[in-house]
Amino acid sequence: MINSLRKHPLCVLALLLASSSVQATRFVLPSNPDDRLIKAVDMQNNSQTFANKDDDLLDIALRYDLGQNEIVQLNPDVDRWLPAMDSVIKLQNTRLLPDSEPSGVILNLPEFRLYYFPKATDNSPANVITHPVSVGRQDWETPLGKTKVTAKKKNPAWRPPESIKKEHAEKGDPLPDVVPAGPDNPLGLYAMRLGIPGYLIHSTNKPFGVGLRVSHGCVRMYPKDIETLFPLIKVGTPVSIINQPIKVGWLEGSLYIEIHAPLEEHQYDDLLSIALDLIEINNNGELPIIDGKLLKQAIIEKRGSPIKIYTQAISNLD
């Protein structure tokens, strides 16, 4: 292992970063309010790591605060369960903000990601905190719309609704009327109730499901993520639940596109037309001469990473 670290100095950096309790969760907001590409505070120059001996991709996803969907999409040629020792694992240190008012909490369902916009202070630049989440299964969809945090509870008990109790009973796994707080509670140690009846943002006792459609409509977070986010979000904080598989935005004169796989119930016949419309909207109603090859690749691969498709001429930046 020591020889391996000497051979790959980046691996040393990755291990040092992994020792931190929070990885790539806080992103700096651009100084230009019209720009939407954001960069991670702690990982601006770290876009990859190396697999350790006992790692699988889900271990690395948890270490770097990525969802299971993200780590797999970023590394389609790496075995999810048995990545080769020292194999290069791509990470995500840039993102495009959703096209929504940058305040409160934004949940972008096809991205499986939560964004929280704390109020800026004199001691720190404007930033956004973002974490991976799980959302509802196709038969238990997480609803879209605007709501707010109506209550917060540490060490919550879970009172499963009759629909979920019925589902478990049919599988031979009956549930009690109340699951007390503790390590076996599906809500984990923290829960925030939304204004939509029956829906929560909460922790989980099954962290490797984060980044997948595994819940009954609630939004699940890694335990370490909601532990840090819970005291920051106040009751009354607005929450927007949106559906944006395609995001387009600028940074310093360059236009980027980020494409995620649409949810099954929100499939689209022509992603290219949608992408071109968004590009035109973001370029003052005109379609620029973009890199068509890169755009086509982004639509086919749906990696969820920002891709630069156009840069303004210098004269246009004056």
C-alpha atoms as a PDB file:
ATOM      1  CA  MET A   1       0.000   0.000   0.000  1.00  0.00           C
ATOM      2  CA  ILE A   2       2.825   2.431   0.864  1.00  0.00           C
ATOM      3  CA  ASN A   3       4.511   1.798  -2.482  1.00  0.00           C
ATOM      4  CA  SER A   4       1.180   2.368  -4.197  1.00  0.00           C
ATOM      5  CA  LEU A   5       0.812   5.731  -2.484  1.00  0.00           C
ATOM      6  CA  ARG A   6       4.310   6.734  -3.544  1.00  0.00           C
ATOM      7  CA  LYS A   7       3.484   5.774  -7.111  1.00  0.00           C
ATOM      8  CA  HIS A   8       0.266   7.810  -7.088  1.00  0.00           C
ATOM      9  CA  PRO A   9       0.696  11.050  -5.155  1.00  0.00           C
ATOM     10  CA  LEU A  10      -2.909  11.978  -5.937  1.00  0.00           C
ATOM     11  CA  CYS A  11      -3.942   8.962  -3.904  1.00  0.00           C
ATOM     12  CA  VAL A  12      -2.302  10.544  -0.861  1.00  0.00           C
ATOM     13  CA  LEU A  13      -4.373  13.674  -1.456  1.00  0.00           C
ATOM     14  CA  ALA A  14      -7.522  11.591  -1.822  1.00  0.00           C
ATOM     15  CA  LEU A  15      -6.913   9.796   1.442  1.00  0.00           C
ATOM     16  CA  LEU A  16      -6.272  13.070   3.244  1.00  0.00           C
ATOM     17  CA  LEU A  17      -9.475  14.479   1.872  1.00  0.00           C
ATOM     18  CA  ALA A  18     -11.321  11.317   2.857  1.00  0.00           C
ATOM     19  CA  SER A  19     -10.379  11.892   6.488  1.00  0.00           C
ATOM     20  CA  SER A  20     -12.536  15.007   6.525  1.00  0.00           C
ATOM     21  CA  SER A  21     -16.063  14.614   7.846  1.00  0.00           C
ATOM     22  CA  VAL A  22     -17.613  16.531   4.933  1.00  0.00           C
ATOM     23  CA  GLN A  23     -16.568  16.101   1.296  1.00  0.00           C
ATOM     24  CA  ALA A  24     -17.593  18.344  -1.614  1.00  0.00           C
ATOM     25  CA  THR A  25     -20.778  19.552   0.076  1.00  0.00           C
ATOM     26  CA  ARG A  26     -20.218  23.314  -0.039  1.00  0.00           C
ATOM     27  CA  PHE A  27     -19.922  25.090  -3.387  1.00  0.00           C
ATOM     28  CA  VAL A  28     -19.021  28.734  -3.990  1.00  0.00           C
ATOM     29  CA  LEU A  29     -21.659  30.768  -5.809  1.00  0.00           C
ATOM     30  CA  PRO A  30     -20.351  32.762  -8.797  1.00  0.00           C
ATOM     31  CA  SER A  31     -19.767  36.468  -8.268  1.00  0.00           C
ATOM     32  CA  ASN A  32     -21.865  37.157 -11.372  1.00  0.00           C
ATOM     33  CA  PRO A  33     -25.507  36.383 -10.427  1.00  0.00           C
ATOM     34  CA  ASP A  34     -26.221  35.388 -14.043  1.00  0.00           C
ATOM     35  CA  ASP A  35     -23.647  32.564 -13.902  1.00  0.00           C
ATOM     36  CA  ARG A  36     -24.731  29.123 -12.691  1.00  0.00           C
ATOM     37  CA  LEU A  37     -21.679  26.849 -12.751  1.00  0.00           C
ATOM     38  CA  ILE A  38     -20.496  26.245  -9.189  1.00  0.00           C
ATOM     39  CA  LYS A  39     -17.261  24.776  -7.853  1.00  0.00           C
ATOM     40  CA  ALA A  40     -16.647  22.783  -4.685  1.00  0.00           C
ATOM     41  CA  VAL A  41     -14.884  24.647  -1.892  1.00  0.00           C
ATOM     42  CA  ASP A  42     -12.816  21.653  -0.697  1.00  0.00           C
ATOM     43  CA  MET A  43     -12.244  19.882  -4.027  1.00  0.00           C
ATOM     44  CA  GLN A  44     -11.676  22.533  -6.661  1.00  0.00           C
ATOM     45  CA  ASN A  45      -8.541  20.810  -7.931  1.00  0.00           C
ATOM     46  CA  ASN A  46      -9.544  17.257  -7.077  1.00  0.00           C
ATOM     47  CA  SER A  47     -11.665  15.604  -9.773  1.00  0.00           C
ATOM     48  CA  GLN A  48     -10.539  12.020  -9.171  1.00  0.00           C
ATOM     49  CA  THR A  49      -9.340   9.548  -6.589  1.00  0.00           C
ATOM     50  CA  PHE A  50      -8.024   5.967  -6.577  1.00  0.00           C
ATOM     51  CA  ALA A  51      -9.758   2.822  -5.397  1.00  0.00           C
ATOM     52  CA  ASN A  52      -8.296   1.280  -2.249  1.00  0.00           C
ATOM     53  CA  LYS A  53      -7.971  -2.454  -1.703  1.00  0.00           C
ATOM     54  CA  ASP A  54     -11.302  -2.969   0.065  1.00  0.00           C
ATOM     55  CA  ASP A  55     -13.318  -0.267  -1.721  1.00  0.00           C
ATOM     56  CA  ASP A  56     -16.373  -0.659  -3.859  1.00  0.00           C
ATOM     57  CA  LEU A  57     -17.857   2.326  -5.696  1.00  0.00           C
ATOM     58  CA  LEU A  58     -20.479   2.819  -3.002  1.00  0.00           C
ATOM     59  CA  ASP A  59     -17.776   3.224  -0.343  1.00  0.00           C
ATOM     60  CA  ILE A  60     -16.172   5.921  -2.457  1.00  0.00           C
ATOM     61  CA  ALA A  61     -19.535   7.579  -3.128  1.00  0.00           C
ATOM     62  CA  LEU A  62     -20.194   7.812   0.613  1.00  0.00           C
ATOM     63  CA  ARG A  63     -16.688   9.144   1.249  1.00  0.00           C
ATOM     64  CA  TYR A  64     -17.051  11.947  -1.298  1.00  0.00           C
ATOM     65  CA  ASP A  65     -20.738  12.711  -0.704  1.00  0.00           C
ATOM     66  CA  LEU A  66     -21.968  11.345  -4.029  1.00  0.00           C
ATOM     67  CA  GLY A  67     -25.072   9.258  -4.592  1.00  0.00           C
ATOM     68  CA  GLN A  68     -24.921   5.740  -5.958  1.00  0.00           C
ATOM     69  CA  ASN A  69     -26.356   7.010  -9.248  1.00  0.00           C
ATOM     70  CA  GLU A  70     -23.623   9.652  -9.583  1.00  0.00           C
ATOM     71  CA  ILE A  71     -20.614   7.447  -8.877  1.00  0.00           C
ATOM     72  CA  VAL A  72     -21.850   4.816 -11.363  1.00  0.00           C
ATOM     73  CA  GLN A  73     -22.649   7.369 -14.083  1.00  0.00           C
ATOM     74  CA  LEU A  74     -19.255   9.018 -13.668  1.00  0.00           C
ATOM     75  CA  ASN A  75     -17.441   5.667 -13.860  1.00  0.00           C
ATOM     76  CA  PRO A  76     -19.364   3.450 -16.294  1.00  0.00           C
ATOM     77  CA  ASP A  77     -16.324   1.298 -17.084  1.00  0.00           C
ATOM     78  CA  VAL A  78     -15.468   0.548 -13.438  1.00  0.00           C
ATOM     79  CA  ASP A  79     -16.908  -2.513 -11.702  1.00  0.00           C
ATOM     80  CA  ARG A  80     -19.370  -1.245  -9.107  1.00  0.00           C
ATOM     81  CA  TRP A  81     -18.547  -3.947  -6.569  1.00  0.00           C
ATOM     82  CA  LEU A  82     -14.931  -4.873  -7.340  1.00  0.00           C
ATOM     83  CA  PRO A  83     -13.019  -1.904  -8.767  1.00  0.00           C
ATOM     84  CA  ALA A  84      -9.417  -2.771  -9.505  1.00  0.00           C
ATOM     85  CA  MET A  85      -6.904  -1.660  -6.897  1.00  0.00           C
ATOM     86  CA  ASP A  86      -5.634   1.865  -7.702  1.00  0.00           C
ATOM     87  CA  SER A  87      -8.133   2.266 -10.551  1.00  0.00           C
ATOM     88  CA  VAL A  88      -8.937   5.913 -11.262  1.00  0.00           C
ATOM     89  CA  ILE A  89     -12.359   6.947  -9.949  1.00  0.00           C
ATOM     90  CA  LYS A  90     -13.837  10.142 -11.339  1.00  0.00           C
ATOM     91  CA  LEU A  91     -15.441  12.547  -8.861  1.00  0.00           C
ATOM     92  CA  GLN A  92     -17.711  15.554  -9.221  1.00  0.00           C
ATOM     93  CA  ASN A  93     -16.326  18.941  -8.211  1.00  0.00           C
ATOM     94  CA  THR A  94     -18.444  21.216 -10.435  1.00  0.00           C
ATOM     95  CA  ARG A  95     -22.202  21.438 -10.954  1.00  0.00           C
ATOM     96  CA  LEU A  96     -24.809  23.606 -12.605  1.00  0.00           C
ATOM     97  CA  LEU A  97     -27.376  25.175 -10.333  1.00  0.00           C
ATOM     98  CA  PRO A  98     -30.993  24.289 -11.069  1.00  0.00           C
ATOM     99  CA  ASP A  99     -32.997  26.939 -12.909  1.00  0.00           C
ATOM    100  CA  SER A 100     -34.913  28.041  -9.829  1.00  0.00           C
ATOM    101  CA  GLU A 101     -34.843  30.896  -7.335  1.00  0.00           C
ATOM    102  CA  PRO A 102     -31.622  30.321  -5.321  1.00  0.00           C
ATOM    103  CA  SER A 103     -33.130  30.348  -1.860  1.00  0.00           C
ATOM    104  CA  GLY A 104     -34.229  27.884   0.771  1.00  0.00           C
ATOM    105  CA  VAL A 105     -34.086  24.229  -0.273  1.00  0.00           C
ATOM    106  CA  ILE A 106     -34.293  22.956  -3.849  1.00  0.00           C
ATOM    107  CA  LEU A 107     -34.768  19.243  -4.561  1.00  0.00           C
ATOM    108  CA  ASN A 108     -34.109  18.276  -8.176  1.00  0.00           C
ATOM    109  CA  LEU A 109     -35.562  14.771  -8.468  1.00  0.00           C
ATOM    110  CA  PRO A 110     -33.837  13.414 -11.632  1.00  0.00           C
ATOM    111  CA  GLU A 111     -30.542  14.686 -10.235  1.00  0.00           C
ATOM    112  CA  PHE A 112     -31.183  12.968  -6.871  1.00  0.00           C
ATOM    113  CA  ARG A 113     -29.766  16.038  -5.175  1.00  0.00           C
ATOM    114  CA  LEU A 114     -30.686  18.664  -2.603  1.00  0.00           C
ATOM    115  CA  TYR A 115     -29.433  22.258  -2.667  1.00  0.00           C
ATOM    116  CA  TYR A 116     -29.605  24.547   0.370  1.00  0.00           C
ATOM    117  CA  PHE A 117     -28.812  28.260   0.100  1.00  0.00           C
ATOM    118  CA  PRO A 118     -27.734  29.695   3.468  1.00  0.00           C
ATOM    119  CA  LYS A 119     -27.818  33.435   3.885  1.00  0.00           C
ATOM    120  CA  ALA A 120     -24.482  35.072   3.085  1.00  0.00           C
ATOM    121  CA  THR A 121     -22.520  36.678   5.900  1.00  0.00           C
ATOM    122  CA  ASP A 122     -19.675  39.170   6.058  1.00  0.00           C
ATOM    123  CA  ASN A 123     -17.308  36.369   7.074  1.00  0.00           C
ATOM    124  CA  SER A 124     -17.933  34.005   4.161  1.00  0.00           C
ATOM    125  CA  PRO A 125     -18.703  34.271   0.442  1.00  0.00           C
ATOM    126  CA  ALA A 126     -22.136  33.339  -0.848  1.00  0.00           C
ATOM    127  CA  ASN A 127     -22.326  29.576  -1.177  1.00  0.00           C
ATOM    128  CA  VAL A 128     -24.676  26.660  -1.582  1.00  0.00           C
ATOM    129  CA  ILE A 129     -24.651  23.385   0.353  1.00  0.00           C
ATOM    130  CA  THR A 130     -25.587  20.345  -1.701  1.00  0.00           C
ATOM    131  CA  HIS A 131     -26.058  16.673  -0.864  1.00  0.00           C
ATOM    132  CA  PRO A 132     -27.199  13.508  -2.672  1.00  0.00           C
ATOM    133  CA  VAL A 133     -30.623  12.119  -1.784  1.00  0.00           C
ATOM    134  CA  SER A 134     -32.930   9.199  -2.448  1.00  0.00           C
ATOM    135  CA  VAL A 135     -36.423   9.835  -3.804  1.00  0.00           C
ATOM    136  CA  GLY A 136     -39.651   7.891  -4.181  1.00  0.00           C
ATOM    137  CA  ARG A 137     -40.010   4.749  -6.234  1.00  0.00           C
ATOM    138  CA  GLN A 138     -42.033   4.900  -9.432  1.00  0.00           C
ATOM    139  CA  ASP A 139     -45.107   3.572  -7.601  1.00  0.00           C
ATOM    140  CA  TRP A 140     -44.512   5.977  -4.676  1.00  0.00           C
ATOM    141  CA  GLU A 141     -43.463   9.163  -6.453  1.00  0.00           C
ATOM    142  CA  THR A 142     -42.033  12.149  -4.598  1.00  0.00           C
ATOM    143  CA  PRO A 143     -44.458  14.988  -5.456  1.00  0.00           C
ATOM    144  CA  LEU A 144     -43.373  18.094  -7.336  1.00  0.00           C
ATOM    145  CA  GLY A 145     -44.215  21.603  -6.191  1.00  0.00           C
ATOM    146  CA  LYS A 146     -43.499  24.299  -3.632  1.00  0.00           C
ATOM    147  CA  THR A 147     -43.776  23.618   0.087  1.00  0.00           C
ATOM    148  CA  LYS A 148     -41.837  24.366   3.265  1.00  0.00           C
ATOM    149  CA  VAL A 149     -40.334  22.737   6.334  1.00  0.00           C
ATOM    150  CA  THR A 150     -43.152  22.618   8.888  1.00  0.00           C
ATOM    151  CA  ALA A 151     -41.481  20.700  11.749  1.00  0.00           C
ATOM    152  CA  LYS A 152     -38.145  19.183  12.803  1.00  0.00           C
ATOM    153  CA  LYS A 153     -37.537  16.201  15.029  1.00  0.00           C
ATOM    154  CA  LYS A 154     -34.373  14.633  16.425  1.00  0.00           C
ATOM    155  CA  ASN A 155     -34.561  10.904  17.248  1.00  0.00           C
ATOM    156  CA  PRO A 156     -38.000  10.558  15.618  1.00  0.00           C
ATOM    157  CA  ALA A 157     -40.280   7.576  16.067  1.00  0.00           C
ATOM    158  CA  TRP A 158     -41.826   6.223  12.863  1.00  0.00           C
ATOM    159  CA  ARG A 159     -45.543   5.566  12.562  1.00  0.00           C
ATOM    160  CA  PRO A 160     -45.869   3.759   9.246  1.00  0.00           C
ATOM    161  CA  PRO A 161     -49.073   4.584   7.349  1.00  0.00           C
ATOM    162  CA  GLU A 162     -51.556   1.807   6.612  1.00  0.00           C
ATOM    163  CA  SER A 163     -50.481   1.629   2.945  1.00  0.00           C
ATOM    164  CA  ILE A 164     -46.896   0.824   3.901  1.00  0.00           C
ATOM    165  CA  LYS A 165     -47.973  -1.588   6.628  1.00  0.00           C
ATOM    166  CA  LYS A 166     -50.118  -3.408   4.070  1.00  0.00           C
ATOM    167  CA  GLU A 167     -47.223  -3.632   1.605  1.00  0.00           C
ATOM    168  CA  HIS A 168     -44.917  -5.108   4.242  1.00  0.00           C
ATOM    169  CA  ALA A 169     -47.573  -7.542   5.455  1.00  0.00           C
ATOM    170  CA  GLU A 170     -48.054  -8.845   1.913  1.00  0.00           C
ATOM    171  CA  LYS A 171     -44.315  -9.573   1.807  1.00  0.00           C
ATOM    172  CA  GLY A 172     -44.423 -11.421   5.126  1.00  0.00           C
ATOM    173  CA  ASP A 173     -42.653  -8.596   6.946  1.00  0.00           C
ATOM    174  CA  PRO A 174     -45.302  -7.011   9.201  1.00  0.00           C
ATOM    175  CA  LEU A 175     -44.564  -3.641  10.762  1.00  0.00           C
ATOM    176  CA  PRO A 176     -45.557  -2.455  14.231  1.00  0.00           C
ATOM    177  CA  ASP A 177     -47.773   0.577  14.688  1.00  0.00           C
ATOM    178  CA  VAL A 178     -44.777   2.530  15.980  1.00  0.00           C
ATOM    179  CA  VAL A 179     -41.061   1.979  15.293  1.00  0.00           C
ATOM    180  CA  PRO A 180     -39.198   3.634  18.199  1.00  0.00           C
ATOM    181  CA  ALA A 181     -36.189   5.875  17.712  1.00  0.00           C
ATOM    182  CA  GLY A 182     -32.911   4.033  17.319  1.00  0.00           C
ATOM    183  CA  PRO A 183     -30.570   2.367  14.819  1.00  0.00           C
ATOM    184  CA  ASP A 184     -33.336   0.219  13.277  1.00  0.00           C
ATOM    185  CA  ASN A 185     -35.618   3.163  12.599  1.00  0.00           C
ATOM    186  CA  PRO A 186     -35.894   3.862   8.816  1.00  0.00           C
ATOM    187  CA  LEU A 187     -36.075   7.596   9.575  1.00  0.00           C
ATOM    188  CA  GLY A 188     -32.639   7.563  11.166  1.00  0.00           C
ATOM    189  CA  LEU A 189     -31.838  10.160  13.813  1.00  0.00           C
ATOM    190  CA  TYR A 190     -33.158  13.310  12.108  1.00  0.00           C
ATOM    191  CA  ALA A 191     -36.353  14.177  10.257  1.00  0.00           C
ATOM    192  CA  MET A 192     -37.799  17.375   8.773  1.00  0.00           C
ATOM    193  CA  ARG A 193     -41.496  17.338   7.951  1.00  0.00           C
ATOM    194  CA  LEU A 194     -42.718  19.055   4.784  1.00  0.00           C
ATOM    195  CA  GLY A 195     -45.980  20.897   4.227  1.00  0.00           C
ATOM    196  CA  ILE A 196     -47.063  18.112   1.864  1.00  0.00           C
ATOM    197  CA  PRO A 197     -48.836  15.691   4.242  1.00  0.00           C
ATOM    198  CA  GLY A 198     -46.921  12.473   4.834  1.00  0.00           C
ATOM    199  CA  TYR A 199     -43.611  13.567   3.304  1.00  0.00           C
ATOM    200  CA  LEU A 200     -40.310  14.095   5.108  1.00  0.00           C
ATOM    201  CA  ILE A 201     -36.662  14.817   4.490  1.00  0.00           C
ATOM    202  CA  HIS A 202     -34.930  12.372   6.811  1.00  0.00           C
ATOM    203  CA  SER A 203     -31.891  10.273   7.570  1.00  0.00           C
ATOM    204  CA  THR A 204     -31.768   6.540   6.829  1.00  0.00           C
ATOM    205  CA  ASN A 205     -30.531   3.264   8.261  1.00  0.00           C
ATOM    206  CA  LYS A 206     -29.746   2.121   4.694  1.00  0.00           C
ATOM    207  CA  PRO A 207     -27.223   4.706   3.448  1.00  0.00           C
ATOM    208  CA  PHE A 208     -26.156   2.797   0.338  1.00  0.00           C
ATOM    209  CA  GLY A 209     -29.603   3.465  -1.146  1.00  0.00           C
ATOM    210  CA  VAL A 210     -28.878   7.200  -1.354  1.00  0.00           C
ATOM    211  CA  GLY A 211     -28.932   8.227  -5.004  1.00  0.00           C
ATOM    212  CA  LEU A 212     -31.618   5.705  -5.959  1.00  0.00           C
ATOM    213  CA  ARG A 213     -35.411   5.480  -6.148  1.00  0.00           C
ATOM    214  CA  VAL A 214     -35.978   3.415  -3.037  1.00  0.00           C
ATOM    215  CA  SER A 215     -38.319   5.339  -0.725  1.00  0.00           C
ATOM    216  CA  HIS A 216     -42.090   5.577  -0.369  1.00  0.00           C
ATOM    217  CA  GLY A 217     -41.912   9.200  -1.514  1.00  0.00           C
ATOM    218  CA  CYS A 218     -39.829  10.698   1.273  1.00  0.00           C
ATOM    219  CA  VAL A 219     -36.390  12.190   0.670  1.00  0.00           C
ATOM    220  CA  ARG A 220     -33.557  10.245   2.330  1.00  0.00           C
ATOM    221  CA  MET A 221     -30.097  11.606   3.102  1.00  0.00           C
ATOM    222  CA  TYR A 222     -26.806  10.173   4.294  1.00  0.00           C
ATOM    223  CA  PRO A 223     -26.782  10.259   8.122  1.00  0.00           C
ATOM    224  CA  LYS A 224     -23.679  12.471   8.223  1.00  0.00           C
ATOM    225  CA  ASP A 225     -25.232  14.931   5.750  1.00  0.00           C
ATOM    226  CA  ILE A 226     -28.510  15.523   7.518  1.00  0.00           C
ATOM    227  CA  GLU A 227     -26.680  15.724  10.846  1.00  0.00           C
ATOM    228  CA  THR A 228     -24.839  18.822   9.585  1.00  0.00           C
ATOM    229  CA  LEU A 229     -27.802  20.240   7.664  1.00  0.00           C
ATOM    230  CA  PHE A 230     -30.451  19.735  10.355  1.00  0.00           C
ATOM    231  CA  PRO A 231     -29.393  22.642  12.631  1.00  0.00           C
ATOM    232  CA  LEU A 232     -29.027  25.017   9.663  1.00  0.00           C
ATOM    233  CA  ILE A 233     -32.513  24.648   8.216  1.00  0.00           C
ATOM    234  CA  LYS A 234     -35.195  26.415  10.204  1.00  0.00           C
ATOM    235  CA  VAL A 235     -38.896  25.651  10.408  1.00  0.00           C
ATOM    236  CA  GLY A 236     -40.572  27.714   7.703  1.00  0.00           C
ATOM    237  CA  THR A 237     -37.705  27.326   5.187  1.00  0.00           C
ATOM    238  CA  PRO A 238     -39.205  27.176   1.661  1.00  0.00           C
ATOM    239  CA  VAL A 239     -38.705  23.940  -0.292  1.00  0.00           C
ATOM    240  CA  SER A 240     -39.043  23.627  -4.076  1.00  0.00           C
ATOM    241  CA  ILE A 241     -39.293  20.102  -5.515  1.00  0.00           C
ATOM    242  CA  ILE A 242     -38.504  20.296  -9.220  1.00  0.00           C
ATOM    243  CA  ASN A 243     -37.962  18.093 -12.281  1.00  0.00           C
ATOM    244  CA  GLN A 244     -34.976  19.323 -14.315  1.00  0.00           C
ATOM    245  CA  PRO A 245     -33.043  16.510 -16.034  1.00  0.00           C
ATOM    246  CA  ILE A 246     -31.349  19.084 -18.287  1.00  0.00           C
ATOM    247  CA  LYS A 247     -29.606  22.138 -16.850  1.00  0.00           C
ATOM    248  CA  VAL A 248     -27.902  24.894 -18.855  1.00  0.00           C
ATOM    249  CA  GLY A 249     -25.842  27.762 -17.485  1.00  0.00           C
ATOM    250  CA  TRP A 250     -22.902  30.118 -17.883  1.00  0.00           C
ATOM    251  CA  LEU A 251     -19.602  30.739 -16.151  1.00  0.00           C
ATOM    252  CA  GLU A 252     -17.305  33.551 -17.224  1.00  0.00           C
ATOM    253  CA  GLY A 253     -18.429  33.617 -20.850  1.00  0.00           C
ATOM    254  CA  SER A 254     -18.663  29.853 -21.397  1.00  0.00           C
ATOM    255  CA  LEU A 255     -21.944  27.963 -21.694  1.00  0.00           C
ATOM    256  CA  TYR A 256     -22.333  24.541 -20.074  1.00  0.00           C
ATOM    257  CA  ILE A 257     -24.931  21.794 -20.215  1.00  0.00           C
ATOM    258  CA  GLU A 258     -25.564  19.045 -17.652  1.00  0.00           C
ATOM    259  CA  ILE A 259     -27.871  16.134 -18.478  1.00  0.00           C
ATOM    260  CA  HIS A 260     -29.321  13.524 -16.141  1.00  0.00           C
ATOM    261  CA  ALA A 261     -31.466  10.541 -17.014  1.00  0.00           C
ATOM    262  CA  PRO A 262     -35.143  11.557 -16.763  1.00  0.00           C
ATOM    263  CA  LEU A 263     -37.293   9.698 -14.242  1.00  0.00           C
ATOM    264  CA  GLU A 264     -39.323   6.858 -15.757  1.00  0.00           C
ATOM    265  CA  GLU A 265     -42.647   8.699 -15.421  1.00  0.00           C
ATOM    266  CA  HIS A 266     -41.159  11.838 -17.021  1.00  0.00           C
ATOM    267  CA  GLN A 267     -39.657  10.430 -20.212  1.00  0.00           C
ATOM    268  CA  TYR A 268     -39.189  12.790 -23.168  1.00  0.00           C
ATOM    269  CA  ASP A 269     -39.367  11.968 -26.871  1.00  0.00           C
ATOM    270  CA  ASP A 270     -36.719  14.459 -27.941  1.00  0.00           C
ATOM    271  CA  LEU A 271     -34.095  15.531 -25.395  1.00  0.00           C
ATOM    272  CA  LEU A 272     -32.148  17.290 -28.145  1.00  0.00           C
ATOM    273  CA  SER A 273     -35.008  19.720 -28.862  1.00  0.00           C
ATOM    274  CA  ILE A 274     -35.404  20.445 -25.153  1.00  0.00           C
ATOM    275  CA  ALA A 275     -31.660  21.014 -24.804  1.00  0.00           C
ATOM    276  CA  LEU A 276     -31.571  23.378 -27.800  1.00  0.00           C
ATOM    277  CA  ASP A 277     -34.538  25.344 -26.443  1.00  0.00           C
ATOM    278  CA  LEU A 278     -32.795  25.772 -23.078  1.00  0.00           C
ATOM    279  CA  ILE A 279     -29.553  26.817 -24.773  1.00  0.00           C
ATOM    280  CA  GLU A 280     -31.448  29.436 -26.788  1.00  0.00           C
ATOM    281  CA  ILE A 281     -33.276  30.723 -23.700  1.00  0.00           C
ATOM    282  CA  ASN A 282     -29.976  31.050 -21.832  1.00  0.00           C
ATOM    283  CA  ASN A 283     -28.383  32.948 -24.733  1.00  0.00           C
ATOM    284  CA  ASN A 284     -30.867  35.826 -24.941  1.00  0.00           C
ATOM    285  CA  GLY A 285     -33.166  34.017 -27.358  1.00  0.00           C
ATOM    286  CA  GLU A 286     -30.476  33.174 -29.914  1.00  0.00           C
ATOM    287  CA  LEU A 287     -28.982  29.765 -30.651  1.00  0.00           C
ATOM    288  CA  PRO A 288     -25.165  30.104 -30.684  1.00  0.00           C
ATOM    289  CA  ILE A 289     -22.807  27.971 -32.736  1.00  0.00           C
ATOM    290  CA  ILE A 290     -22.300  25.221 -30.181  1.00  0.00           C
ATOM    291  CA  ASP A 291     -20.122  22.114 -30.169  1.00  0.00           C
ATOM    292  CA  GLY A 292     -22.713  19.718 -31.577  1.00  0.00           C
ATOM    293  CA  LYS A 293     -20.555  16.649 -31.023  1.00  0.00           C
ATOM    294  CA  LEU A 294     -20.216  17.330 -27.304  1.00  0.00           C
ATOM    295  CA  LEU A 295     -23.936  18.082 -26.995  1.00  0.00           C
ATOM    296  CA  LYS A 296     -24.847  14.799 -28.682  1.00  0.00           C
ATOM    297  CA  GLN A 297     -22.416  12.932 -26.425  1.00  0.00           C
ATOM    298  CA  ALA A 298     -23.946  14.550 -23.326  1.00  0.00           C
ATOM    299  CA  ILE A 299     -27.457  13.517 -24.408  1.00  0.00           C
ATOM    300  CA  ILE A 300     -26.415   9.930 -25.115  1.00  0.00           C
ATOM    301  CA  GLU A 301     -24.305   9.393 -21.978  1.00  0.00           C
ATOM    302  CA  LYS A 302     -26.353  11.404 -19.451  1.00  0.00           C
ATOM    303  CA  ARG A 303     -23.378  11.480 -17.051  1.00  0.00           C
ATOM    304  CA  GLY A 304     -24.718  14.377 -14.987  1.00  0.00           C
ATOM    305  CA  SER A 305     -21.504  16.407 -15.335  1.00  0.00           C
ATOM    306  CA  PRO A 306     -21.287  19.957 -16.729  1.00  0.00           C
ATOM    307  CA  ILE A 307     -19.911  20.003 -20.288  1.00  0.00           C
ATOM    308  CA  LYS A 308     -18.713  23.180 -21.993  1.00  0.00           C
ATOM    309  CA  ILE A 309     -20.457  23.539 -25.365  1.00  0.00           C
ATOM    310  CA  TYR A 310     -19.836  27.189 -26.287  1.00  0.00           C
ATOM    311  CA  THR A 311     -17.515  30.084 -25.451  1.00  0.00           C
ATOM    312  CA  GLN A 312     -18.300  33.671 -26.345  1.00  0.00           C
ATOM    313  CA  ALA A 313     -15.859  35.612 -28.484  1.00  0.00           C
ATOM    314  CA  ILE A 314     -13.776  38.066 -26.490  1.00  0.00           C
ATOM    315  CA  SER A 315     -15.509  41.021 -28.143  1.00  0.00           C
ATOM    316  CA  ASN A 316     -18.825  39.731 -26.797  1.00  0.00           C
ATOM    317  CA  LEU A 317     -17.525  39.756 -23.238  1.00  0.00           C
ATOM    318  CA  ASP A 318     -16.774  43.498 -23.143  1.00  0.00           C
END
